[in-house]
Protein backbone atom coordinates (compact mmCIF):
# COMPACT_ATOMS: atom_id res chain seq x y z
CA MET A 1 -34.00 12.33 44.46
CA ARG A 2 -31.13 10.67 46.29
CA ILE A 3 -31.69 7.52 44.21
CA ILE A 4 -31.53 9.57 41.00
CA VAL A 5 -28.27 11.24 42.03
CA VAL A 6 -26.69 7.90 43.02
CA THR A 7 -27.88 6.29 39.79
CA SER A 8 -26.39 9.12 37.70
CA LEU A 9 -23.10 8.85 39.59
CA ILE A 10 -22.97 5.10 39.03
CA ALA A 11 -23.75 5.59 35.34
CA GLY A 12 -20.93 8.13 34.94
CA VAL A 13 -18.42 5.95 36.76
CA SER A 14 -19.56 2.88 34.83
CA LEU A 15 -19.08 4.65 31.50
CA SER A 16 -15.57 5.73 32.50
CA CYS A 17 -14.70 2.20 33.67
CA PHE A 18 -16.10 0.78 30.45
CA SER A 19 -13.85 3.13 28.47
CA ILE A 20 -10.75 2.39 30.59
CA PHE A 21 -11.11 -1.36 31.05
CA PHE A 22 -12.80 -2.33 27.78
CA LEU A 23 -12.40 0.29 25.06
CA SER A 24 -8.72 1.01 25.74
CA PRO A 25 -7.65 -2.70 25.69
CA SER A 26 -9.87 -3.28 22.65
CA PHE A 27 -8.30 -0.41 20.70
CA THR A 28 -4.82 -1.52 21.79
CA HIS A 29 -5.62 -5.04 20.58
CA GLN A 30 -6.83 -3.57 17.29
CA ILE A 31 -3.51 -1.72 16.90
CA ILE A 32 -1.63 -4.98 17.58
CA LYS A 33 -3.70 -6.94 15.04
CA SER A 34 -3.38 -4.16 12.46
CA THR A 35 0.39 -3.94 13.02
CA GLU A 36 0.69 -7.73 12.94
CA SER A 37 -1.11 -7.74 9.57
CA GLU A 38 1.35 -5.13 8.26
CA ALA A 39 4.26 -7.18 9.60
CA VAL A 40 2.97 -10.30 7.80
CA LYS A 41 2.79 -8.30 4.56
CA VAL A 42 6.39 -7.16 5.07
CA GLY A 43 7.43 -10.75 5.86
CA ASN A 44 5.66 -12.14 2.80
CA PHE A 45 7.30 -9.47 0.65
CA LEU A 46 10.77 -10.25 2.02
CA SER A 47 10.22 -14.03 1.85
CA ILE A 48 10.17 -13.82 -1.97
CA SER A 49 13.97 -13.71 -1.74
CA PHE A 50 14.04 -17.09 0.06
CA ARG A 51 11.74 -19.03 -2.27
CA GLY A 52 13.19 -22.40 -3.16
CA MET A 53 15.55 -22.46 -0.15
CA ASP A 54 15.23 -25.46 2.18
CA LYS A 55 16.37 -23.37 5.09
CA VAL A 56 17.67 -19.90 5.87
CA SER A 57 21.39 -19.64 6.62
CA ARG A 58 24.03 -16.94 6.95
CA GLU A 59 24.44 -17.07 3.16
CA LEU A 60 21.62 -14.66 2.41
CA PRO A 61 20.16 -14.32 -1.11
CA LYS A 62 21.84 -11.75 -3.32
CA GLY A 63 20.39 -8.29 -2.85
CA PHE A 64 18.38 -9.24 0.26
CA VAL A 65 20.24 -6.89 2.60
CA GLU A 66 19.47 -3.92 0.33
CA ILE A 67 15.80 -4.95 0.08
CA ALA A 68 15.59 -5.32 3.88
CA GLN A 69 17.17 -1.89 4.39
CA GLU A 70 14.70 -0.37 1.94
CA ALA A 71 11.81 -2.09 3.76
CA VAL A 72 13.00 -0.60 7.08
CA ALA A 73 13.05 2.87 5.52
CA VAL A 74 9.80 2.56 3.53
CA PHE A 75 7.66 1.04 6.29
CA GLY A 76 9.27 3.01 9.14
CA LEU A 77 10.35 -0.15 10.95
CA GLN A 78 12.50 -0.08 14.07
CA LYS A 79 14.27 -3.31 13.22
CA ILE A 80 14.15 -6.49 11.06
CA LYS A 81 15.74 -9.83 12.02
CA VAL A 82 16.11 -13.06 10.04
CA PHE A 83 16.34 -16.39 11.90
CA ALA A 84 17.59 -19.80 10.76
CA PRO A 85 15.39 -22.81 11.68
CA ASP A 86 17.51 -23.49 14.79
CA GLY A 87 16.87 -19.96 16.10
CA GLU A 88 20.21 -18.41 15.11
CA THR A 89 19.99 -14.74 14.08
CA VAL A 90 21.60 -14.70 10.62
CA TYR A 91 20.69 -11.09 9.81
CA SER A 92 19.54 -8.04 11.71
CA SER A 93 19.33 -4.38 10.83
CA SER A 94 21.02 -4.02 14.24
CA GLU A 95 24.38 -5.81 13.82
CA ASN A 96 24.70 -6.58 17.57
CA ASP A 97 21.92 -9.19 17.26
CA ILE A 98 23.65 -11.33 14.58
CA GLY A 99 24.80 -14.71 15.88
CA THR A 100 22.51 -14.84 18.93
CA ILE A 101 20.36 -17.95 19.40
CA ASN A 102 16.66 -17.80 20.22
CA GLU A 103 15.95 -20.81 22.45
CA ARG A 104 12.56 -19.63 23.70
CA ASP A 105 9.56 -21.98 23.69
CA TYR A 106 7.40 -19.63 21.60
CA PHE A 107 9.96 -19.80 18.76
CA HIS A 108 10.29 -23.58 18.64
CA ASN A 109 6.70 -24.47 19.64
CA ASN A 110 4.79 -21.78 17.74
CA VAL A 111 6.80 -19.99 15.05
CA ALA A 112 8.61 -23.16 13.90
CA TRP A 113 5.16 -24.71 13.28
CA GLY A 114 4.10 -21.94 10.93
CA GLN A 115 2.32 -19.67 13.44
CA VAL A 116 2.61 -15.87 13.44
CA PHE A 117 3.55 -14.73 16.97
CA SER A 118 3.25 -11.15 18.25
CA LYS A 119 3.75 -9.26 21.50
CA VAL A 120 3.70 -5.61 22.58
CA ALA A 121 6.86 -4.39 24.30
CA TYR A 122 6.27 -1.05 25.98
CA ARG A 123 8.92 1.62 26.51
CA ASP A 124 11.57 0.67 29.13
CA THR A 125 10.25 -2.92 29.36
CA LYS A 126 11.86 -6.07 28.00
CA SER A 127 11.05 -7.58 24.62
CA LEU A 128 10.53 -11.28 23.87
CA GLU A 129 14.33 -11.59 23.72
CA ASP A 130 14.94 -9.62 26.97
CA GLN A 131 16.06 -6.46 25.19
CA VAL A 132 14.96 -3.21 26.89
CA MET A 133 12.95 -1.20 24.37
CA GLY A 134 13.30 2.55 23.93
CA ALA A 135 9.80 2.88 22.45
CA ASP A 136 6.43 1.13 22.34
CA VAL A 137 6.80 -1.59 19.69
CA VAL A 138 4.94 -4.60 18.37
CA GLU A 139 7.41 -7.39 17.63
CA THR A 140 6.03 -10.01 15.24
CA TYR A 141 7.57 -13.30 14.18
CA VAL A 142 6.60 -14.28 10.61
CA PRO A 143 7.58 -17.87 9.66
CA ILE A 144 9.15 -18.64 6.28
CA MET A 145 7.48 -21.80 5.02
CA ASN A 146 8.69 -23.53 1.85
CA SER A 147 6.62 -26.52 0.69
CA GLY A 148 5.07 -26.75 4.16
CA LYS A 149 8.44 -26.94 5.91
CA PHE A 150 9.84 -24.36 8.30
CA ALA A 151 12.79 -22.67 6.58
CA GLY A 152 13.32 -19.79 9.01
CA ALA A 153 11.57 -16.69 10.27
CA PHE A 154 11.49 -12.90 10.17
CA GLU A 155 11.11 -10.77 13.29
CA VAL A 156 9.62 -7.37 12.43
CA TYR A 157 9.65 -4.53 14.96
CA PHE A 158 6.94 -1.87 14.32
CA ASP A 159 7.15 1.34 16.36
CA ILE A 160 3.61 2.08 17.62
CA THR A 161 4.60 4.88 20.01
CA ALA A 162 2.81 7.56 17.98
CA ARG A 163 -0.33 5.46 17.45
CA LYS A 164 -0.45 4.50 21.15
CA ARG A 165 -0.02 8.13 22.20
CA GLU A 166 -2.81 9.26 19.86
CA LEU A 167 -5.08 6.52 21.23
CA ASP A 168 -4.31 7.46 24.84
CA GLU A 169 -5.01 11.13 24.11
CA LEU A 170 -8.27 10.24 22.38
CA LEU A 171 -9.42 8.03 25.27
CA PHE A 172 -8.40 10.70 27.80
CA LYS A 173 -10.54 13.26 26.01
CA SER A 174 -13.41 10.77 25.74
CA ASN A 175 -13.19 9.86 29.46
CA SER A 176 -13.01 13.52 30.43
CA LEU A 177 -16.07 14.25 28.33
CA LEU A 178 -17.96 11.33 29.91
CA LEU A 179 -17.02 12.51 33.40
CA ILE A 180 -18.09 16.09 32.61
CA VAL A 181 -21.43 14.82 31.28
CA ALA A 182 -21.95 12.70 34.42
CA ILE A 183 -21.10 15.61 36.73
CA GLY A 184 -23.33 17.86 34.64
CA LEU A 185 -26.23 15.44 35.04
CA ILE A 186 -25.77 15.35 38.80
CA LEU A 187 -25.55 19.16 39.11
CA ALA A 188 -28.56 19.61 36.84
CA ILE A 189 -30.67 17.25 38.94
CA TRP A 190 -29.51 18.96 42.15
CA VAL A 191 -30.43 22.40 40.79
CA ILE A 192 -33.82 21.11 39.70
CA SER A 193 -34.47 19.78 43.23
CA LEU A 194 -33.99 23.32 44.62
CA ILE A 195 -36.41 24.96 42.23
CA PRO A 196 -40.04 25.18 43.34
CA ARG A 197 -42.58 23.08 41.52
CA HIS A 198 -44.10 26.11 39.83
CA SER A 199 -40.85 26.52 37.81
CA PHE A 200 -41.58 23.46 35.71
CA ARG A 201 -40.73 25.44 32.56
CA LYS A 202 -37.15 25.93 33.71
CA GLN A 203 -36.93 22.21 34.42
CA GLU A 204 -37.90 21.50 30.83
CA GLU A 205 -35.19 23.85 29.59
CA THR A 206 -32.62 22.02 31.69
CA GLU A 207 -33.76 18.70 30.30
CA LYS A 208 -33.37 20.05 26.78
CA LYS A 209 -29.79 21.08 27.55
CA ILE A 210 -29.07 17.58 28.85
CA ILE A 211 -30.49 16.09 25.67
CA GLN A 212 -28.34 18.44 23.60
CA GLN A 213 -25.25 17.39 25.53
CA SER A 214 -26.14 13.77 24.93
CA LEU A 215 -26.64 14.44 21.22
CA ALA A 216 -23.30 16.24 21.08
CA LEU A 217 -21.66 13.22 22.70
CA GLN A 218 -23.35 10.93 20.20
CA GLU A 219 -22.14 13.19 17.39
CA LYS A 220 -18.59 13.04 18.72
CA ASN A 221 -18.74 9.26 19.02
CA SER A 222 -20.06 9.10 15.46
CA GLU A 223 -17.04 11.10 14.25
CA LEU A 224 -14.65 8.85 16.16
CA GLU A 225 -16.36 5.85 14.57
CA VAL A 226 -15.75 7.31 11.10
CA LEU A 227 -12.05 7.89 11.86
CA ASN A 228 -11.79 4.37 13.25
CA ASP A 229 -13.48 2.90 10.15
CA VAL A 230 -11.13 4.81 7.85
CA SER A 231 -8.11 3.67 9.89
CA ARG A 232 -9.30 0.08 9.72
CA VAL A 233 -9.73 0.30 5.93
CA LEU A 234 -6.28 1.88 5.53
CA SER A 235 -4.70 -1.07 7.35
CA LYS A 236 -6.24 -3.65 5.00
CA SER A 237 -4.04 -3.02 1.97
CA ILE A 238 -1.10 -1.01 0.70
CA ASP A 239 -2.16 -1.26 -2.96
CA PRO A 240 -3.82 2.06 -4.06
CA GLU A 241 -6.14 0.31 -6.55
CA THR A 242 -7.58 -1.79 -3.71
CA LEU A 243 -7.25 0.75 -0.92
CA LEU A 244 -8.80 3.94 -2.30
CA PRO A 245 -12.21 2.54 -3.44
CA LEU A 246 -12.64 1.04 0.06
CA VAL A 247 -11.74 4.39 1.67
CA LEU A 248 -14.22 6.24 -0.55
CA GLU A 249 -16.97 3.74 0.28
CA ALA A 250 -16.33 4.12 4.02
CA VAL A 251 -16.34 7.95 3.88
CA VAL A 252 -19.45 8.31 1.73
CA HIS A 253 -21.53 5.91 3.83
CA LYS A 254 -20.25 6.80 7.30
CA LEU A 255 -19.48 10.55 7.30
CA PRO A 256 -21.99 12.29 9.64
CA VAL A 257 -22.91 15.15 7.30
CA VAL A 258 -26.56 16.04 6.67
CA ASN A 259 -27.65 15.85 3.00
CA LEU A 260 -24.41 14.13 1.93
CA GLU A 261 -25.08 12.25 -1.30
CA LYS A 262 -23.78 8.73 -1.94
CA LYS A 263 -21.52 10.09 -4.61
CA GLY A 264 -17.90 11.25 -4.89
CA GLY A 265 -14.37 10.29 -5.86
CA ILE A 266 -10.64 10.46 -5.18
CA MET A 267 -8.09 11.98 -7.57
CA LEU A 268 -4.32 11.60 -7.34
CA VAL A 269 -1.95 14.39 -8.37
CA GLU A 270 0.53 13.38 -11.10
CA GLY A 271 2.63 16.45 -11.90
CA GLU A 272 0.31 19.02 -13.49
CA LYS A 273 -2.42 16.44 -14.05
CA MET A 274 -4.96 14.73 -11.79
CA LYS A 275 -6.09 11.13 -12.27
CA LEU A 276 -9.46 9.84 -11.11
CA VAL A 277 -8.58 6.57 -9.33
CA ALA A 278 -11.78 5.87 -7.36
CA HIS A 279 -15.33 7.08 -7.92
CA LEU A 280 -18.89 6.37 -6.82
CA GLY A 281 -22.18 7.24 -8.48
CA HIS A 282 -20.84 8.79 -11.71
CA ASP A 283 -22.14 8.24 -15.24
CA ASN A 284 -20.10 8.03 -18.45
CA SER A 285 -20.64 11.71 -19.23
CA PHE A 286 -18.93 12.75 -15.99
CA LEU A 287 -16.04 10.33 -16.58
CA ARG A 288 -15.45 11.66 -20.12
CA HIS A 289 -15.27 15.25 -18.90
CA HIS A 290 -12.71 14.34 -16.22
CA GLU A 291 -10.29 12.20 -18.27
CA ASN A 292 -7.61 14.88 -18.72
CA ILE A 293 -8.23 17.22 -15.82
CA SER A 294 -5.32 19.38 -14.63
CA ILE A 295 -4.56 21.14 -11.35
CA ASN A 296 -5.77 24.37 -12.99
CA ASP A 297 -9.28 23.02 -13.58
CA CYS A 298 -12.44 23.37 -11.51
CA LEU A 299 -12.74 23.09 -7.72
CA CYS A 300 -10.50 20.03 -7.36
CA GLY A 301 -7.61 21.88 -9.00
CA LEU A 302 -8.23 24.85 -6.69
CA ALA A 303 -7.96 22.55 -3.65
CA VAL A 304 -4.64 21.19 -4.96
CA ARG A 305 -3.20 24.66 -5.59
CA THR A 306 -4.29 26.20 -2.27
CA GLY A 307 -4.09 23.14 -0.01
CA GLU A 308 -7.37 24.28 1.60
CA ILE A 309 -10.79 22.62 1.95
CA ILE A 310 -13.12 24.05 -0.70
CA ILE A 311 -16.86 24.35 0.01
CA SER A 312 -19.20 25.09 -2.89
CA LYS A 313 -22.91 25.58 -2.21
CA ASN A 314 -24.19 25.39 -5.77
CA SER A 315 -22.40 24.20 -8.93
CA HIS A 316 -24.66 26.34 -11.15
CA THR A 317 -23.92 29.65 -9.40
CA ASP A 318 -20.29 29.12 -8.29
CA SER A 319 -17.97 30.60 -10.94
CA ARG A 320 -15.10 28.43 -9.66
CA HIS A 321 -16.98 25.32 -10.83
CA THR A 322 -15.64 25.46 -14.41
CA ILE A 323 -16.39 21.91 -15.62
CA CYS A 324 -20.02 21.64 -16.66
CA TYR A 325 -21.80 19.20 -18.93
CA GLU A 326 -25.27 18.43 -20.28
CA ASN A 327 -27.94 17.33 -17.77
CA MET A 328 -25.69 18.17 -14.78
CA GLU A 329 -27.99 18.79 -11.83
CA PRO A 330 -27.30 21.56 -9.28
CA HIS A 331 -25.25 20.30 -6.34
CA GLY A 332 -22.87 21.38 -3.63
CA HIS A 333 -19.31 20.16 -3.06
CA ILE A 334 -16.85 19.42 -0.30
CA ILE A 335 -13.33 19.22 -1.79
CA VAL A 336 -10.71 17.99 0.67
CA PRO A 337 -6.96 18.10 -0.21
CA LEU A 338 -5.14 14.89 0.81
CA LYS A 339 -1.73 15.81 2.20
CA SER A 340 1.43 14.02 3.23
CA ALA A 341 4.34 15.98 4.71
CA ASN A 342 2.52 19.25 3.80
CA LYS A 343 2.39 18.22 0.14
CA VAL A 344 -0.95 17.68 -1.63
CA VAL A 345 -0.94 14.17 -3.12
CA GLY A 346 -4.61 14.02 -4.09
CA VAL A 347 -8.14 15.29 -3.44
CA LEU A 348 -11.32 13.74 -2.03
CA TYR A 349 -14.48 15.30 -3.42
CA LEU A 350 -17.98 14.71 -2.03
CA TYR A 351 -21.44 15.82 -3.13
CA LEU A 352 -23.98 17.81 -1.08
CA ALA A 353 -27.49 18.84 -1.87
CA ALA A 354 -27.47 22.35 -3.34
CA ASP A 355 -27.30 25.40 -1.01
CA ILE A 356 -26.41 23.49 2.18
CA GLU A 357 -24.20 25.00 4.91
CA LEU A 358 -21.38 22.86 6.38
CA GLU A 359 -20.69 23.15 10.12
CA GLN A 360 -17.18 24.25 11.15
CA PHE A 361 -16.54 21.17 13.31
CA LYS A 362 -17.16 18.98 10.26
CA ARG A 363 -14.22 20.71 8.60
CA ASN A 364 -11.99 19.63 11.48
CA LEU A 365 -13.15 16.03 11.07
CA LEU A 366 -12.46 16.16 7.32
CA GLU A 367 -8.95 17.54 7.91
CA SER A 368 -8.10 14.74 10.37
CA MET A 369 -9.44 12.12 7.99
CA ALA A 370 -7.64 13.64 4.97
CA SER A 371 -4.32 13.55 6.82
CA GLN A 372 -4.70 9.80 7.39
CA ILE A 373 -5.61 9.12 3.76
CA GLY A 374 -2.79 11.33 2.42
CA MET A 375 -0.12 9.51 4.40
CA ALA A 376 -1.54 6.15 3.30
CA ILE A 377 -1.36 7.23 -0.37
CA ASP A 378 2.25 8.35 0.06
CA ASN A 379 3.19 5.07 1.76
CA ALA A 380 1.50 3.08 -1.00
CA ARG A 381 3.46 4.99 -3.67
CA LEU A 382 6.74 4.37 -1.85
CA TYR A 383 5.90 0.68 -1.56
CA GLY A 384 5.12 0.45 -5.28
CA GLU A 385 8.34 2.23 -6.24
CA THR A 386 10.42 -0.01 -3.97
CA LYS A 387 8.76 -3.14 -5.33
CA LYS A 388 9.35 -2.05 -8.93
CA MET A 389 13.01 -1.26 -8.22
CA SER A 390 13.54 -4.71 -6.70
CA LEU A 391 12.19 -6.48 -9.81
CA HIS A 392 13.56 -4.39 -12.69
CA ASP A 393 16.97 -3.63 -14.16
CA PRO A 394 17.91 -0.01 -13.33
CA LEU A 395 19.58 0.74 -16.70
CA THR A 396 17.05 -0.69 -19.16
CA GLY A 397 13.87 -0.83 -17.09
CA LEU A 398 13.28 -4.43 -18.16
CA ALA A 399 12.60 -7.28 -15.73
CA ASN A 400 15.71 -8.43 -13.85
CA ARG A 401 16.94 -12.01 -13.34
CA ARG A 402 14.81 -12.61 -10.25
CA PHE A 403 11.61 -11.43 -11.96
CA LEU A 404 12.59 -13.46 -15.06
CA ASP A 405 13.11 -16.68 -13.09
CA THR A 406 9.74 -16.37 -11.36
CA SER A 407 7.86 -15.50 -14.58
CA LEU A 408 9.52 -18.26 -16.62
CA GLN A 409 8.70 -20.83 -13.95
CA GLN A 410 5.03 -19.76 -14.06
CA ALA A 411 5.00 -19.84 -17.88
CA VAL A 412 6.39 -23.41 -17.89
CA ILE A 413 3.75 -24.51 -15.36
CA MET A 414 0.94 -23.02 -17.51
CA ALA A 415 2.32 -24.60 -20.69
CA GLU A 416 2.55 -27.98 -18.96
CA ARG A 417 -0.88 -27.78 -17.33
CA TYR A 418 -2.87 -26.58 -20.37
CA ASN A 419 -0.71 -28.16 -23.10
CA LYS A 420 -0.02 -24.75 -24.63
CA PRO A 421 3.02 -23.83 -26.77
CA LEU A 422 5.78 -21.76 -25.23
CA CYS A 423 8.96 -20.29 -26.73
CA VAL A 424 11.94 -18.48 -25.24
CA ALA A 425 14.24 -16.21 -27.27
CA MET A 426 17.70 -14.98 -26.34
CA PHE A 427 19.20 -11.84 -27.91
CA ASP A 428 22.87 -10.84 -27.81
CA ILE A 429 24.28 -7.60 -29.20
CA ASP A 430 26.87 -8.38 -31.89
CA LEU A 431 30.48 -7.23 -31.32
CA PHE A 432 29.37 -5.19 -28.31
CA LYS A 433 32.82 -5.21 -26.67
CA LYS A 434 34.32 -3.73 -29.83
CA TYR A 435 31.57 -1.08 -29.88
CA ASN A 436 32.28 -0.21 -26.23
CA ASP A 437 36.02 0.06 -26.91
CA GLN A 438 35.48 2.37 -29.89
CA LYS A 439 32.59 4.54 -28.67
CA GLY A 440 32.96 4.39 -24.88
CA HIS A 441 30.79 2.93 -22.14
CA ASP A 442 28.30 5.82 -22.08
CA ALA A 443 27.50 5.18 -25.74
CA GLY A 444 27.35 1.45 -24.98
CA ASP A 445 24.86 2.01 -22.16
CA LYS A 446 22.75 4.11 -24.51
CA GLN A 447 22.68 1.28 -27.07
CA LEU A 448 21.78 -1.22 -24.32
CA PHE A 449 18.84 0.99 -23.33
CA MET A 450 17.70 1.45 -26.93
CA VAL A 451 17.94 -2.28 -27.73
CA ALA A 452 15.92 -3.04 -24.59
CA ASP A 453 13.35 -0.43 -25.61
CA LYS A 454 13.03 -1.96 -29.11
CA ILE A 455 12.50 -5.43 -27.62
CA ALA A 456 9.91 -4.18 -25.13
CA ARG A 457 8.00 -2.04 -27.64
CA SER A 458 8.01 -4.69 -30.39
CA SER A 459 6.81 -7.54 -28.17
CA ARG A 460 3.23 -8.25 -27.18
CA GLU A 461 1.53 -7.42 -23.89
CA SER A 462 1.50 -11.11 -22.92
CA ASP A 463 5.29 -11.44 -23.47
CA LEU A 464 7.95 -10.65 -20.89
CA ALA A 465 11.24 -8.99 -21.83
CA ALA A 466 14.15 -9.21 -19.36
CA ARG A 467 17.80 -8.32 -19.19
CA TYR A 468 19.66 -11.59 -18.70
CA GLY A 469 23.09 -10.09 -18.11
CA GLY A 470 25.60 -7.85 -19.87
CA GLU A 471 24.38 -7.41 -23.43
CA GLU A 472 22.06 -10.45 -23.36
CA PHE A 473 18.26 -10.22 -23.26
CA ILE A 474 15.51 -12.84 -22.84
CA LEU A 475 12.00 -12.73 -24.30
CA ILE A 476 9.35 -15.16 -22.95
CA LEU A 477 6.62 -15.84 -25.55
CA PRO A 478 3.65 -17.70 -23.96
CA GLU A 479 1.14 -19.54 -26.19
CA THR A 480 3.45 -19.05 -29.19
CA ASP A 481 4.80 -21.76 -31.52
CA LEU A 482 8.13 -21.61 -33.38
CA SER A 483 6.62 -19.95 -36.44
CA GLY A 484 4.96 -17.20 -34.43
CA ALA A 485 8.04 -16.73 -32.26
CA HIS A 486 10.25 -16.39 -35.35
CA MET A 487 7.98 -13.64 -36.74
CA VAL A 488 8.17 -11.65 -33.48
CA VAL A 489 11.91 -12.15 -32.91
CA ASP A 490 12.96 -11.50 -36.50
CA ARG A 491 10.85 -8.33 -36.60
CA ILE A 492 12.69 -7.12 -33.48
CA ARG A 493 16.07 -8.07 -34.98
CA GLN A 494 15.31 -6.23 -38.25
CA ASN A 495 14.01 -3.14 -36.40
CA ILE A 496 17.23 -2.93 -34.38
CA ALA A 497 19.39 -3.39 -37.48
CA ASP A 498 17.47 -0.67 -39.37
CA THR A 499 17.42 1.98 -36.62
CA LEU A 500 20.38 1.49 -34.25
CA GLU A 501 24.17 1.45 -34.53
CA VAL A 502 24.35 -2.22 -33.48
CA THR A 503 22.81 -5.53 -34.57
CA VAL A 504 21.68 -8.55 -32.56
CA SER A 505 21.85 -12.31 -32.99
CA ALA A 506 18.95 -14.33 -31.59
CA GLY A 507 18.20 -17.93 -30.73
CA ILE A 508 14.75 -19.46 -30.16
CA ALA A 509 13.94 -22.56 -28.10
CA LYS A 510 10.56 -24.30 -27.96
CA TYR A 511 9.22 -25.84 -24.76
CA LYS A 512 8.97 -29.63 -24.73
CA LYS A 513 6.93 -31.51 -22.15
CA GLY A 514 8.97 -32.10 -19.02
CA SER A 515 11.55 -29.39 -19.78
CA SER A 516 12.52 -26.81 -17.18
CA GLY A 517 12.95 -23.08 -17.56
CA GLU A 518 16.72 -23.41 -17.16
CA GLU A 519 16.83 -25.95 -20.01
CA LEU A 520 14.83 -23.62 -22.26
CA ILE A 521 17.27 -20.76 -21.64
CA LYS A 522 20.24 -23.06 -22.26
CA LEU A 523 18.78 -24.20 -25.59
CA ALA A 524 17.99 -20.62 -26.62
CA ASP A 525 21.57 -19.66 -25.70
CA MET A 526 22.96 -22.45 -27.90
CA ALA A 527 20.76 -21.33 -30.80
CA MET A 528 21.94 -17.76 -30.31
CA TYR A 529 25.59 -18.84 -30.55
CA LYS A 530 24.64 -20.77 -33.68
CA ALA A 531 23.38 -17.47 -35.14
CA LYS A 532 26.70 -15.85 -34.18
CA ALA A 533 28.62 -18.63 -35.90
CA ASN A 534 26.51 -18.32 -39.07
CA GLY A 535 27.32 -14.66 -39.61
CA ARG A 536 25.51 -12.68 -36.85
CA ASN A 537 22.45 -10.44 -37.24
CA ARG A 538 20.20 -13.44 -37.74
CA VAL A 539 17.79 -15.79 -35.93
CA GLU A 540 18.37 -19.53 -35.39
CA PHE A 541 16.36 -22.32 -33.76
CA ALA A 542 17.48 -24.79 -31.11
């Protein structure tokens, strides 16, 4: 008996030590790697501004500061720094850092050779640059490499205080539960030793209770595993089209719910409508009946309106299940609203076998999981909006100069590589200054928007329309010869002349082997001025 007690005590202590000395560092390392991955994504996003630069200097690219400030706000960063190759801080969201020199070995021996370098700086301890931190942060250096050469680096500070606190609380609860189980085992064995042998039936009952406790612990660990899997999936991408199918797959295959079918989906709320963005196990009939679903329809709409988890035992007897179709088999549902900042941004719906009860503690698990997914959806939307704003003209909605330069460079590379035709057209509104003087700038802005809309709507999906500056617009026409380009451009010109208060003159340039994008634009510009000189409201060739 003494051996059994000692063995149980050792097992309990061993489990606690395993949790403290292995699980906790492992989870902390996972947080660091996840945060480092997010920091690399932020760095890669910001490095677009430095493409083509041999090295980073104090002369930052136009608009970079605004993009960096938006990145700090969108990703919840504590700080962003930009370093020149020699270690000088040329930009920081904290102005006191600008001008300092990083002479540390890790910068010149690791980061300068293209390696990502990360370290955790805990609250009230010093960072890599000897700055005392007011929170738990992961500071990550992301090198900027242009053509294999080190052009500079970003230092991204992610605040992990909340994540670390949640992990510590989770481990504390887990350790407490392990200790309670160990103590319970010891007490149970001690009680059994005091009971006479004729009370063997009571001993069996005690053993059953121990087994139940063990099963409960396994169930809890299974739930923690699901939450961990969902968290790991959420850290892989910030693109909803990539992220949400992975989340759905993880939930459907890992959620510890009896009789859960391998079937379900995620819908996002768009005003009064809901859009099915990820689904599993559905046929075409289901998809057709859910193309134009609103927040007033069926159980998913009810979950959006109430913000509560909806449980339906049987689709054929539940009057709330209003969408029915031919050959639909009876089934149950779990509908979970996905929230961010107390606002429902979508729903996760899962399938159960008909007439199955769902335990209360499973609801708590679903609510915790839904909160994670909802915040991830909101962050992904913010990221997409910020990215779109950085690449499009705010007045017309067309691509801006930066997006134009990148797209034209790619179009030239494709034309060169595959020997395909390529044309570039430049449009300029005729006598626009006179129009502005007579009608006012508000009317002028309206005409700019309408001209841009005509160009965008009249061009093909493969074309790219951009605002070049002022009243000038560029249209890239891949795989299009001069004849085809003239048809497209002249149709746009005629449409504008027939429907708007202004006209446009246009010039078309054809790509020749060895030409650059800048040369194409220059030729198109010359042809456009030729059209101006020949009477306006016409198209000319370079």
